[in-house]
Protein backbone atom coordinates (compact mmCIF):
# COMPACT_ATOMS: atom_id res chain seq x y z
CA UNK A 1 0.00 0.00 0.00
CA UNK A 2 1.38 3.47 -0.87
CA UNK A 3 2.69 5.69 1.90
CA UNK A 4 0.10 8.44 1.38
CA UNK A 5 -2.68 5.97 2.09
CA UNK A 6 -1.02 4.62 5.22
CA UNK A 7 -0.45 7.98 6.93
CA UNK A 8 -3.23 9.56 9.00
CA UNK A 9 -5.23 12.31 7.36
CA UNK A 10 -5.44 15.77 8.89
CA UNK A 11 -7.69 18.69 8.02
CA UNK A 12 -6.79 22.24 7.15
CA UNK A 13 -6.67 24.86 9.92
CA UNK A 14 -6.47 28.42 8.70
CA UNK A 15 -4.14 30.71 10.64
CA UNK A 16 -6.32 33.70 9.81
CA UNK A 17 -9.29 32.12 11.59
CA UNK A 18 -7.56 32.59 14.95
CA UNK A 19 -7.70 36.37 14.60
CA UNK A 20 -11.00 36.91 12.73
CA UNK A 21 -14.62 36.65 13.83
CA UNK A 22 -18.07 37.18 12.32
CA UNK A 23 -20.89 38.96 14.14
CA UNK A 24 -24.55 39.01 13.12
CA UNK A 25 -26.46 42.29 12.95
CA UNK A 26 -28.99 41.16 15.55
CA UNK A 27 -26.13 40.67 18.03
CA UNK A 28 -25.13 44.32 17.58
CA UNK A 29 -28.47 45.52 18.92
CA UNK A 30 -28.06 43.34 22.02
CA UNK A 31 -24.81 45.12 22.99
CA UNK A 32 -26.71 48.01 24.53
CA UNK A 33 -24.36 50.64 23.09
CA UNK A 34 -25.03 53.19 20.38
CA UNK A 35 -21.47 53.21 18.99
CA UNK A 36 -20.16 49.74 18.16
CA UNK A 37 -16.44 49.02 17.83
CA UNK A 38 -14.06 46.21 18.74
CA UNK A 39 -13.74 47.30 22.40
CA UNK A 40 -17.53 47.30 22.86
CA UNK A 41 -17.81 43.81 21.37
CA UNK A 42 -15.08 42.54 23.69
CA UNK A 43 -16.77 44.15 26.68
CA UNK A 44 -20.06 42.47 25.77
CA UNK A 45 -18.15 39.15 25.41
CA UNK A 46 -19.27 38.66 21.82
CA UNK A 47 -15.64 38.55 20.62
CA UNK A 48 -12.63 37.00 22.30
CA UNK A 49 -9.45 38.84 23.24
CA UNK A 50 -7.41 37.21 20.48
CA UNK A 51 -9.67 38.49 17.68
CA UNK A 52 -8.29 41.43 15.73
CA UNK A 53 -10.68 41.62 12.77
CA UNK A 54 -14.45 41.44 13.03
CA UNK A 55 -16.86 41.28 10.12
CA UNK A 56 -20.51 42.22 10.52
CA UNK A 57 -22.86 40.08 8.44
CA UNK A 58 -26.54 40.64 7.69
CA UNK A 59 -28.63 38.21 9.72
CA UNK A 60 -31.66 38.85 11.88
CA UNK A 61 -33.37 42.17 12.51
CA UNK A 62 -31.89 45.52 13.40
CA UNK A 63 -34.40 47.91 14.95
CA UNK A 64 -32.28 50.78 16.27
CA UNK A 65 -29.80 53.20 14.75
CA UNK A 66 -26.16 52.27 15.40
CA UNK A 67 -22.79 53.74 14.50
CA UNK A 68 -20.33 51.01 13.51
CA UNK A 69 -16.66 52.04 13.70
CA UNK A 70 -13.55 50.19 12.60
CA UNK A 71 -15.25 46.93 11.66
CA UNK A 72 -15.53 45.19 8.31
CA UNK A 73 -19.15 45.28 7.15
CA UNK A 74 -20.74 43.18 4.40
CA UNK A 75 -22.85 44.88 1.73
CA UNK A 76 -26.12 43.51 3.12
CA UNK A 77 -25.24 44.51 6.67
CA UNK A 78 -24.33 48.04 5.50
CA UNK A 79 -27.72 48.39 3.80
CA UNK A 80 -29.48 47.06 6.91
CA UNK A 81 -27.64 49.47 9.25
CA UNK A 82 -28.27 52.46 7.00
CA UNK A 83 -31.95 51.52 6.58
CA UNK A 84 -32.31 51.58 10.39
CA UNK A 85 -30.86 55.12 10.45
CA UNK A 86 -27.30 54.24 11.47
CA UNK A 87 -23.95 54.85 9.84
CA UNK A 88 -20.82 52.84 9.04
CA UNK A 89 -17.49 54.58 9.65
CA UNK A 90 -14.09 53.22 8.59
PDB file of N, CA and C in Angstrom:
ATOM      1  N   UNK A   1       0.846  -1.171   0.000  1.00  0.00           N
ATOM      2  CA  UNK A   1       0.000   0.000   0.000  1.00  0.00           C
ATOM      3  C   UNK A   1       0.900   1.246   0.000  1.00  0.00           C
ATOM      4  N   UNK A   2       0.559   2.263  -0.797  1.00  0.00           N
ATOM      5  CA  UNK A   2       1.384   3.474  -0.866  1.00  0.00           C
ATOM      6  C   UNK A   2       1.412   4.223   0.462  1.00  0.00           C
ATOM      7  N   UNK A   3       2.485   4.974   0.648  1.00  0.00           N
ATOM      8  CA  UNK A   3       2.693   5.691   1.899  1.00  0.00           C
ATOM      9  C   UNK A   3       1.585   6.709   2.178  1.00  0.00           C
ATOM     10  N   UNK A   4       1.109   7.420   1.144  1.00  0.00           N
ATOM     11  CA  UNK A   4       0.100   8.445   1.376  1.00  0.00           C
ATOM     12  C   UNK A   4      -1.217   7.861   1.867  1.00  0.00           C
ATOM     13  N   UNK A   5      -1.456   6.606   1.611  1.00  0.00           N
ATOM     14  CA  UNK A   5      -2.683   5.970   2.094  1.00  0.00           C
ATOM     15  C   UNK A   5      -2.503   5.403   3.499  1.00  0.00           C
ATOM     16  N   UNK A   6      -1.279   5.169   3.898  1.00  0.00           N
ATOM     17  CA  UNK A   6      -1.017   4.619   5.224  1.00  0.00           C
ATOM     18  C   UNK A   6      -0.930   5.676   6.316  1.00  0.00           C
ATOM     19  N   UNK A   7      -0.591   6.907   5.939  1.00  0.00           N
ATOM     20  CA  UNK A   7      -0.449   7.976   6.929  1.00  0.00           C
ATOM     21  C   UNK A   7      -1.814   8.526   7.334  1.00  0.00           C
ATOM     22  N   UNK A   8      -1.944   8.996   8.580  1.00  0.00           N
ATOM     23  CA  UNK A   8      -3.230   9.563   9.005  1.00  0.00           C
ATOM     24  C   UNK A   8      -3.537  10.871   8.278  1.00  0.00           C
ATOM     25  N   UNK A   9      -4.807  11.108   8.078  1.00  0.00           N
ATOM     26  CA  UNK A   9      -5.235  12.305   7.357  1.00  0.00           C
ATOM     27  C   UNK A   9      -5.579  13.407   8.363  1.00  0.00           C
ATOM     28  N   UNK A  10      -5.161  14.630   8.041  1.00  0.00           N
ATOM     29  CA  UNK A  10      -5.443  15.774   8.891  1.00  0.00           C
ATOM     30  C   UNK A  10      -6.130  16.840   8.065  1.00  0.00           C
ATOM     31  N   UNK A  11      -6.988  17.621   8.705  1.00  0.00           N
ATOM     32  CA  UNK A  11      -7.692  18.693   8.017  1.00  0.00           C
ATOM     33  C   UNK A  11      -6.860  19.952   7.932  1.00  0.00           C
ATOM     34  N   UNK A  12      -7.448  20.949   7.335  1.00  0.00           N
ATOM     35  CA  UNK A  12      -6.790  22.236   7.149  1.00  0.00           C
ATOM     36  C   UNK A  12      -7.262  23.199   8.223  1.00  0.00           C
ATOM     37  N   UNK A  13      -6.344  23.849   8.931  1.00  0.00           N
ATOM     38  CA  UNK A  13      -6.669  24.862   9.921  1.00  0.00           C
ATOM     39  C   UNK A  13      -6.071  26.190   9.483  1.00  0.00           C
ATOM     40  N   UNK A  14      -6.930  27.131   9.167  1.00  0.00           N
ATOM     41  CA  UNK A  14      -6.466  28.423   8.703  1.00  0.00           C
ATOM     42  C   UNK A  14      -5.874  29.218   9.857  1.00  0.00           C
ATOM     43  N   UNK A  15      -4.748  29.869   9.613  1.00  0.00           N
ATOM     44  CA  UNK A  15      -4.137  30.708  10.644  1.00  0.00           C
ATOM     45  C   UNK A  15      -4.883  32.026  10.794  1.00  0.00           C
ATOM     46  N   UNK A  16      -5.549  32.455   9.743  1.00  0.00           N
ATOM     47  CA  UNK A  16      -6.322  33.695   9.807  1.00  0.00           C
ATOM     48  C   UNK A  16      -7.563  33.549  10.689  1.00  0.00           C
ATOM     49  N   UNK A  17      -8.080  32.347  10.809  1.00  0.00           N
ATOM     50  CA  UNK A  17      -9.293  32.121  11.593  1.00  0.00           C
ATOM     51  C   UNK A  17      -9.075  32.389  13.078  1.00  0.00           C
ATOM     52  N   UNK A  18      -7.835  32.321  13.537  1.00  0.00           N
ATOM     53  CA  UNK A  18      -7.561  32.594  14.946  1.00  0.00           C
ATOM     54  C   UNK A  18      -7.803  34.048  15.311  1.00  0.00           C
ATOM     55  N   UNK A  19      -7.649  34.936  14.328  1.00  0.00           N
ATOM     56  CA  UNK A  19      -7.704  36.368  14.604  1.00  0.00           C
ATOM     57  C   UNK A  19      -8.928  37.051  14.012  1.00  0.00           C
ATOM     58  N   UNK A  20      -9.819  36.319  13.366  1.00  0.00           N
ATOM     59  CA  UNK A  20     -10.996  36.913  12.730  1.00  0.00           C
ATOM     60  C   UNK A  20     -12.269  36.308  13.310  1.00  0.00           C
ATOM     61  N   UNK A  21     -13.330  37.114  13.337  1.00  0.00           N
ATOM     62  CA  UNK A  21     -14.621  36.654  13.832  1.00  0.00           C
ATOM     63  C   UNK A  21     -15.724  37.266  12.983  1.00  0.00           C
ATOM     64  N   UNK A  22     -16.900  36.660  13.026  1.00  0.00           N
ATOM     65  CA  UNK A  22     -18.069  37.182  12.318  1.00  0.00           C
ATOM     66  C   UNK A  22     -19.174  37.429  13.337  1.00  0.00           C
ATOM     67  N   UNK A  23     -19.819  38.576  13.228  1.00  0.00           N
ATOM     68  CA  UNK A  23     -20.890  38.963  14.140  1.00  0.00           C
ATOM     69  C   UNK A  23     -22.150  39.231  13.320  1.00  0.00           C
ATOM     70  N   UNK A  24     -23.278  38.764  13.788  1.00  0.00           N
ATOM     71  CA  UNK A  24     -24.554  39.014  13.121  1.00  0.00           C
ATOM     72  C   UNK A  24     -25.100  40.381  13.521  1.00  0.00           C
ATOM     73  N   UNK A  25     -25.927  40.964  12.668  1.00  0.00           N
ATOM     74  CA  UNK A  25     -26.461  42.293  12.950  1.00  0.00           C
ATOM     75  C   UNK A  25     -27.411  42.284  14.144  1.00  0.00           C
ATOM     76  N   UNK A  26     -28.109  41.186  14.378  1.00  0.00           N
ATOM     77  CA  UNK A  26     -28.989  41.159  15.546  1.00  0.00           C
ATOM     78  C   UNK A  26     -28.206  41.130  16.855  1.00  0.00           C
ATOM     79  N   UNK A  27     -26.969  40.653  16.825  1.00  0.00           N
ATOM     80  CA  UNK A  27     -26.134  40.670  18.028  1.00  0.00           C
ATOM     81  C   UNK A  27     -25.658  42.084  18.352  1.00  0.00           C
ATOM     82  N   UNK A  28     -25.549  42.936  17.340  1.00  0.00           N
ATOM     83  CA  UNK A  28     -25.134  44.320  17.583  1.00  0.00           C
ATOM     84  C   UNK A  28     -26.172  45.070  18.413  1.00  0.00           C
ATOM     85  N   UNK A  29     -27.444  44.814  18.168  1.00  0.00           N
ATOM     86  CA  UNK A  29     -28.474  45.518  18.920  1.00  0.00           C
ATOM     87  C   UNK A  29     -28.548  45.046  20.362  1.00  0.00           C
ATOM     88  N   UNK A  30     -28.046  43.850  20.640  1.00  0.00           N
ATOM     89  CA  UNK A  30     -28.056  43.336  22.016  1.00  0.00           C
ATOM     90  C   UNK A  30     -26.903  43.862  22.858  1.00  0.00           C
ATOM     91  N   UNK A  31     -25.962  44.582  22.239  1.00  0.00           N
ATOM     92  CA  UNK A  31     -24.813  45.118  22.988  1.00  0.00           C
ATOM     93  C   UNK A  31     -25.238  46.189  23.986  1.00  0.00           C
ATOM     94  N   UNK A  32     -26.252  46.953  23.643  1.00  0.00           N
ATOM     95  CA  UNK A  32     -26.706  48.010  24.531  1.00  0.00           C
ATOM     96  C   UNK A  32     -25.984  49.327  24.338  1.00  0.00           C
ATOM     97  N   UNK A  33     -25.113  49.417  23.380  1.00  0.00           N
ATOM     98  CA  UNK A  33     -24.362  50.644  23.092  1.00  0.00           C
ATOM     99  C   UNK A  33     -24.853  51.233  21.782  1.00  0.00           C
ATOM    100  N   UNK A  34     -24.637  52.521  21.622  1.00  0.00           N
ATOM    101  CA  UNK A  34     -25.033  53.189  20.385  1.00  0.00           C
ATOM    102  C   UNK A  34     -23.895  53.201  19.367  1.00  0.00           C
ATOM    103  N   UNK A  35     -22.656  53.247  19.850  1.00  0.00           N
ATOM    104  CA  UNK A  35     -21.474  53.211  18.995  1.00  0.00           C
ATOM    105  C   UNK A  35     -20.808  51.850  19.186  1.00  0.00           C
ATOM    106  N   UNK A  36     -20.691  51.096  18.095  1.00  0.00           N
ATOM    107  CA  UNK A  36     -20.157  49.741  18.158  1.00  0.00           C
ATOM    108  C   UNK A  36     -18.755  49.729  17.556  1.00  0.00           C
ATOM    109  N   UNK A  37     -17.791  49.243  18.331  1.00  0.00           N
ATOM    110  CA  UNK A  37     -16.444  49.022  17.832  1.00  0.00           C
ATOM    111  C   UNK A  37     -15.902  47.750  18.489  1.00  0.00           C
ATOM    112  N   UNK A  38     -14.642  47.452  18.250  1.00  0.00           N
ATOM    113  CA  UNK A  38     -14.065  46.206  18.744  1.00  0.00           C
ATOM    114  C   UNK A  38     -14.047  46.152  20.275  1.00  0.00           C
ATOM    115  N   UNK A  39     -13.788  47.276  20.930  1.00  0.00           N
ATOM    116  CA  UNK A  39     -13.745  47.301  22.397  1.00  0.00           C
ATOM    117  C   UNK A  39     -15.119  47.023  22.997  1.00  0.00           C
ATOM    118  N   UNK A  40     -16.165  47.527  22.370  1.00  0.00           N
ATOM    119  CA  UNK A  40     -17.533  47.297  22.861  1.00  0.00           C
ATOM    120  C   UNK A  40     -17.900  45.827  22.701  1.00  0.00           C
ATOM    121  N   UNK A  41     -17.516  45.222  21.586  1.00  0.00           N
ATOM    122  CA  UNK A  41     -17.814  43.807  21.371  1.00  0.00           C
ATOM    123  C   UNK A  41     -17.052  42.919  22.352  1.00  0.00           C
ATOM    124  N   UNK A  42     -15.829  43.301  22.679  1.00  0.00           N
ATOM    125  CA  UNK A  42     -15.079  42.535  23.689  1.00  0.00           C
ATOM    126  C   UNK A  42     -15.699  42.693  25.062  1.00  0.00           C
ATOM    127  N   UNK A  43     -16.153  43.891  25.384  1.00  0.00           N
ATOM    128  CA  UNK A  43     -16.771  44.149  26.684  1.00  0.00           C
ATOM    129  C   UNK A  43     -18.070  43.364  26.839  1.00  0.00           C
ATOM    130  N   UNK A  44     -18.821  43.228  25.746  1.00  0.00           N
ATOM    131  CA  UNK A  44     -20.064  42.470  25.770  1.00  0.00           C
ATOM    132  C   UNK A  44     -19.833  40.967  25.642  1.00  0.00           C
ATOM    133  N   UNK A  45     -18.564  40.551  25.520  1.00  0.00           N
ATOM    134  CA  UNK A  45     -18.153  39.147  25.412  1.00  0.00           C
ATOM    135  C   UNK A  45     -18.738  38.462  24.179  1.00  0.00           C
ATOM    136  N   UNK A  46     -18.866  39.231  23.096  1.00  0.00           N
ATOM    137  CA  UNK A  46     -19.270  38.658  21.823  1.00  0.00           C
ATOM    138  C   UNK A  46     -18.059  38.252  20.995  1.00  0.00           C
ATOM    139  N   UNK A  47     -16.892  38.820  21.327  1.00  0.00           N
ATOM    140  CA  UNK A  47     -15.644  38.545  20.619  1.00  0.00           C
ATOM    141  C   UNK A  47     -14.562  38.294  21.660  1.00  0.00           C
ATOM    142  N   UNK A  48     -13.720  37.319  21.387  1.00  0.00           N
ATOM    143  CA  UNK A  48     -12.634  37.001  22.298  1.00  0.00           C
ATOM    144  C   UNK A  48     -11.496  38.004  22.229  1.00  0.00           C
ATOM    145  N   UNK A  49     -10.578  37.905  23.191  1.00  0.00           N
ATOM    146  CA  UNK A  49      -9.449  38.845  23.242  1.00  0.00           C
ATOM    147  C   UNK A  49      -8.472  38.664  22.098  1.00  0.00           C
ATOM    148  N   UNK A  50      -8.386  37.474  21.541  1.00  0.00           N
ATOM    149  CA  UNK A  50      -7.414  37.213  20.480  1.00  0.00           C
ATOM    150  C   UNK A  50      -7.883  37.697  19.108  1.00  0.00           C
ATOM    151  N   UNK A  51      -9.138  38.061  18.970  1.00  0.00           N
ATOM    152  CA  UNK A  51      -9.672  38.485  17.680  1.00  0.00           C
ATOM    153  C   UNK A  51      -9.251  39.916  17.370  1.00  0.00           C
ATOM    154  N   UNK A  52      -8.765  40.129  16.160  1.00  0.00           N
ATOM    155  CA  UNK A  52      -8.286  41.433  15.726  1.00  0.00           C
ATOM    156  C   UNK A  52      -9.219  42.032  14.683  1.00  0.00           C
ATOM    157  N   UNK A  53      -9.760  41.166  13.807  1.00  0.00           N
ATOM    158  CA  UNK A  53     -10.675  41.618  12.765  1.00  0.00           C
ATOM    159  C   UNK A  53     -12.057  41.045  13.011  1.00  0.00           C
ATOM    160  N   UNK A  54     -13.071  41.877  12.861  1.00  0.00           N
ATOM    161  CA  UNK A  54     -14.450  41.442  13.030  1.00  0.00           C
ATOM    162  C   UNK A  54     -15.241  41.889  11.817  1.00  0.00           C
ATOM    163  N   UNK A  55     -16.019  40.961  11.251  1.00  0.00           N
ATOM    164  CA  UNK A  55     -16.864  41.280  10.116  1.00  0.00           C
ATOM    165  C   UNK A  55     -18.313  41.175  10.541  1.00  0.00           C
ATOM    166  N   UNK A  56     -19.090  42.191  10.216  1.00  0.00           N
ATOM    167  CA  UNK A  56     -20.512  42.216  10.525  1.00  0.00           C
ATOM    168  C   UNK A  56     -21.251  41.683   9.309  1.00  0.00           C
ATOM    169  N   UNK A  57     -22.093  40.657   9.530  1.00  0.00           N
ATOM    170  CA  UNK A  57     -22.859  40.076   8.436  1.00  0.00           C
ATOM    171  C   UNK A  57     -24.345  40.314   8.678  1.00  0.00           C
ATOM    172  N   UNK A  58     -25.112  40.368   7.607  1.00  0.00           N
ATOM    173  CA  UNK A  58     -26.543  40.638   7.689  1.00  0.00           C
ATOM    174  C   UNK A  58     -27.290  39.367   8.060  1.00  0.00           C
ATOM    175  N   UNK A  59     -27.830  39.330   9.264  1.00  0.00           N
ATOM    176  CA  UNK A  59     -28.635  38.209   9.716  1.00  0.00           C
ATOM    177  C   UNK A  59     -29.494  38.688  10.879  1.00  0.00           C
ATOM    178  N   UNK A  60     -30.757  38.415  10.831  1.00  0.00           N
ATOM    179  CA  UNK A  60     -31.655  38.853  11.883  1.00  0.00           C
ATOM    180  C   UNK A  60     -32.188  40.246  11.620  1.00  0.00           C
ATOM    181  N   UNK A  61     -32.793  40.843  12.639  1.00  0.00           N
ATOM    182  CA  UNK A  61     -33.374  42.171  12.508  1.00  0.00           C
ATOM    183  C   UNK A  61     -32.538  43.202  13.258  1.00  0.00           C
ATOM    184  N   UNK A  62     -32.571  44.406  12.755  1.00  0.00           N
ATOM    185  CA  UNK A  62     -31.895  45.522  13.405  1.00  0.00           C
ATOM    186  C   UNK A  62     -32.923  46.626  13.524  1.00  0.00           C
ATOM    187  N   UNK A  63     -33.290  46.985  14.764  1.00  0.00           N
ATOM    188  CA  UNK A  63     -34.397  47.909  14.950  1.00  0.00           C
ATOM    189  C   UNK A  63     -33.988  49.262  15.518  1.00  0.00           C
ATOM    190  N   UNK A  64     -32.699  49.472  15.778  1.00  0.00           N
ATOM    191  CA  UNK A  64     -32.279  50.781  16.267  1.00  0.00           C
ATOM    192  C   UNK A  64     -31.062  51.272  15.500  1.00  0.00           C
ATOM    193  N   UNK A  65     -30.889  52.585  15.486  1.00  0.00           N
ATOM    194  CA  UNK A  65     -29.797  53.197  14.746  1.00  0.00           C
ATOM    195  C   UNK A  65     -28.483  53.002  15.504  1.00  0.00           C
ATOM    196  N   UNK A  66     -27.468  52.515  14.811  1.00  0.00           N
ATOM    197  CA  UNK A  66     -26.159  52.269  15.403  1.00  0.00           C
ATOM    198  C   UNK A  66     -25.081  52.927  14.563  1.00  0.00           C
ATOM    199  N   UNK A  67     -23.980  53.254  15.198  1.00  0.00           N
ATOM    200  CA  UNK A  67     -22.792  53.742  14.504  1.00  0.00           C
ATOM    201  C   UNK A  67     -21.742  52.648  14.640  1.00  0.00           C
ATOM    202  N   UNK A  68     -21.306  52.095  13.514  1.00  0.00           N
ATOM    203  CA  UNK A  68     -20.330  51.011  13.506  1.00  0.00           C
ATOM    204  C   UNK A  68     -18.988  51.604  13.088  1.00  0.00           C
ATOM    205  N   UNK A  69     -17.984  51.461  13.947  1.00  0.00           N
ATOM    206  CA  UNK A  69     -16.655  52.045  13.697  1.00  0.00           C
ATOM    207  C   UNK A  69     -15.589  50.973  13.669  1.00  0.00           C
ATOM    208  N   UNK A  70     -14.741  51.026  12.643  1.00  0.00           N
ATOM    209  CA  UNK A  70     -13.553  50.191  12.600  1.00  0.00           C
ATOM    210  C   UNK A  70     -13.791  48.714  12.386  1.00  0.00           C
ATOM    211  N   UNK A  71     -14.959  48.332  11.922  1.00  0.00           N
ATOM    212  CA  UNK A  71     -15.255  46.932  11.661  1.00  0.00           C
ATOM    213  C   UNK A  71     -15.496  46.733  10.170  1.00  0.00           C
ATOM    214  N   UNK A  72     -15.233  45.533   9.692  1.00  0.00           N
ATOM    215  CA  UNK A  72     -15.533  45.186   8.310  1.00  0.00           C
ATOM    216  C   UNK A  72     -17.022  44.869   8.235  1.00  0.00           C
ATOM    217  N   UNK A  73     -17.700  45.434   7.250  1.00  0.00           N
ATOM    218  CA  UNK A  73     -19.149  45.278   7.147  1.00  0.00           C
ATOM    219  C   UNK A  73     -19.488  44.748   5.757  1.00  0.00           C
ATOM    220  N   UNK A  74     -20.319  43.710   5.698  1.00  0.00           N
ATOM    221  CA  UNK A  74     -20.742  43.182   4.405  1.00  0.00           C
ATOM    222  C   UNK A  74     -21.735  44.153   3.761  1.00  0.00           C
ATOM    223  N   UNK A  75     -21.965  43.976   2.466  1.00  0.00           N
ATOM    224  CA  UNK A  75     -22.848  44.881   1.734  1.00  0.00           C
ATOM    225  C   UNK A  75     -24.285  44.832   2.283  1.00  0.00           C
ATOM    226  N   UNK A  76     -24.776  43.644   2.567  1.00  0.00           N
ATOM    227  CA  UNK A  76     -26.121  43.509   3.118  1.00  0.00           C
ATOM    228  C   UNK A  76     -26.247  44.107   4.508  1.00  0.00           C
ATOM    229  N   UNK A  77     -25.217  43.943   5.322  1.00  0.00           N
ATOM    230  CA  UNK A  77     -25.241  44.510   6.669  1.00  0.00           C
ATOM    231  C   UNK A  77     -25.177  46.031   6.610  1.00  0.00           C
ATOM    232  N   UNK A  78     -24.406  46.580   5.663  1.00  0.00           N
ATOM    233  CA  UNK A  78     -24.331  48.037   5.497  1.00  0.00           C
ATOM    234  C   UNK A  78     -25.698  48.597   5.124  1.00  0.00           C
ATOM    235  N   UNK A  79     -26.385  47.944   4.200  1.00  0.00           N
ATOM    236  CA  UNK A  79     -27.721  48.390   3.802  1.00  0.00           C
ATOM    237  C   UNK A  79     -28.697  48.300   4.971  1.00  0.00           C
ATOM    238  N   UNK A  80     -28.584  47.247   5.771  1.00  0.00           N
ATOM    239  CA  UNK A  80     -29.479  47.061   6.908  1.00  0.00           C
ATOM    240  C   UNK A  80     -29.232  48.145   7.977  1.00  0.00           C
ATOM    241  N   UNK A  81     -27.976  48.459   8.241  1.00  0.00           N
ATOM    242  CA  UNK A  81     -27.637  49.469   9.247  1.00  0.00           C
ATOM    243  C   UNK A  81     -28.096  50.852   8.792  1.00  0.00           C
ATOM    244  N   UNK A  82     -27.861  51.169   7.522  1.00  0.00           N
ATOM    245  CA  UNK A  82     -28.274  52.464   6.997  1.00  0.00           C
ATOM    246  C   UNK A  82     -29.792  52.591   6.882  1.00  0.00           C
ATOM    247  N   UNK A  83     -30.492  51.488   6.634  1.00  0.00           N
ATOM    248  CA  UNK A  83     -31.953  51.521   6.579  1.00  0.00           C
ATOM    249  C   UNK A  83     -32.550  51.777   7.977  1.00  0.00           C
ATOM    250  N   UNK A  84     -31.834  51.356   9.020  1.00  0.00           N
ATOM    251  CA  UNK A  84     -32.308  51.584  10.390  1.00  0.00           C
ATOM    252  C   UNK A  84     -31.952  52.989  10.875  1.00  0.00           C
ATOM    253  N   UNK A  85     -31.224  53.761  10.066  1.00  0.00           N
ATOM    254  CA  UNK A  85     -30.860  55.121  10.451  1.00  0.00           C
ATOM    255  C   UNK A  85     -29.454  55.247  11.007  1.00  0.00           C
ATOM    256  N   UNK A  86     -28.664  54.217  10.956  1.00  0.00           N
ATOM    257  CA  UNK A  86     -27.301  54.243  11.467  1.00  0.00           C
ATOM    258  C   UNK A  86     -26.299  54.554  10.390  1.00  0.00           C
ATOM    259  N   UNK A  87     -25.033  54.590  10.777  1.00  0.00           N
ATOM    260  CA  UNK A  87     -23.949  54.850   9.841  1.00  0.00           C
ATOM    261  C   UNK A  87     -22.818  53.846  10.048  1.00  0.00           C
ATOM    262  N   UNK A  88     -21.995  53.692   8.995  1.00  0.00           N
ATOM    263  CA  UNK A  88     -20.822  52.836   9.044  1.00  0.00           C
ATOM    264  C   UNK A  88     -19.620  53.734   8.796  1.00  0.00           C
ATOM    265  N   UNK A  89     -18.695  53.761   9.766  1.00  0.00           N
ATOM    266  CA  UNK A  89     -17.492  54.576   9.651  1.00  0.00           C
ATOM    267  C   UNK A  89     -16.282  53.673   9.546  1.00  0.00           C
ATOM    268  N   UNK A  90     -15.285  54.074   8.747  1.00  0.00           N
ATOM    269  CA  UNK A  90     -14.089  53.215   8.593  1.00  0.00           C
ATOM    270  C   UNK A  90     -13.217  53.172   9.832  1.00  0.00           C
TER     271      UNK A  90
END
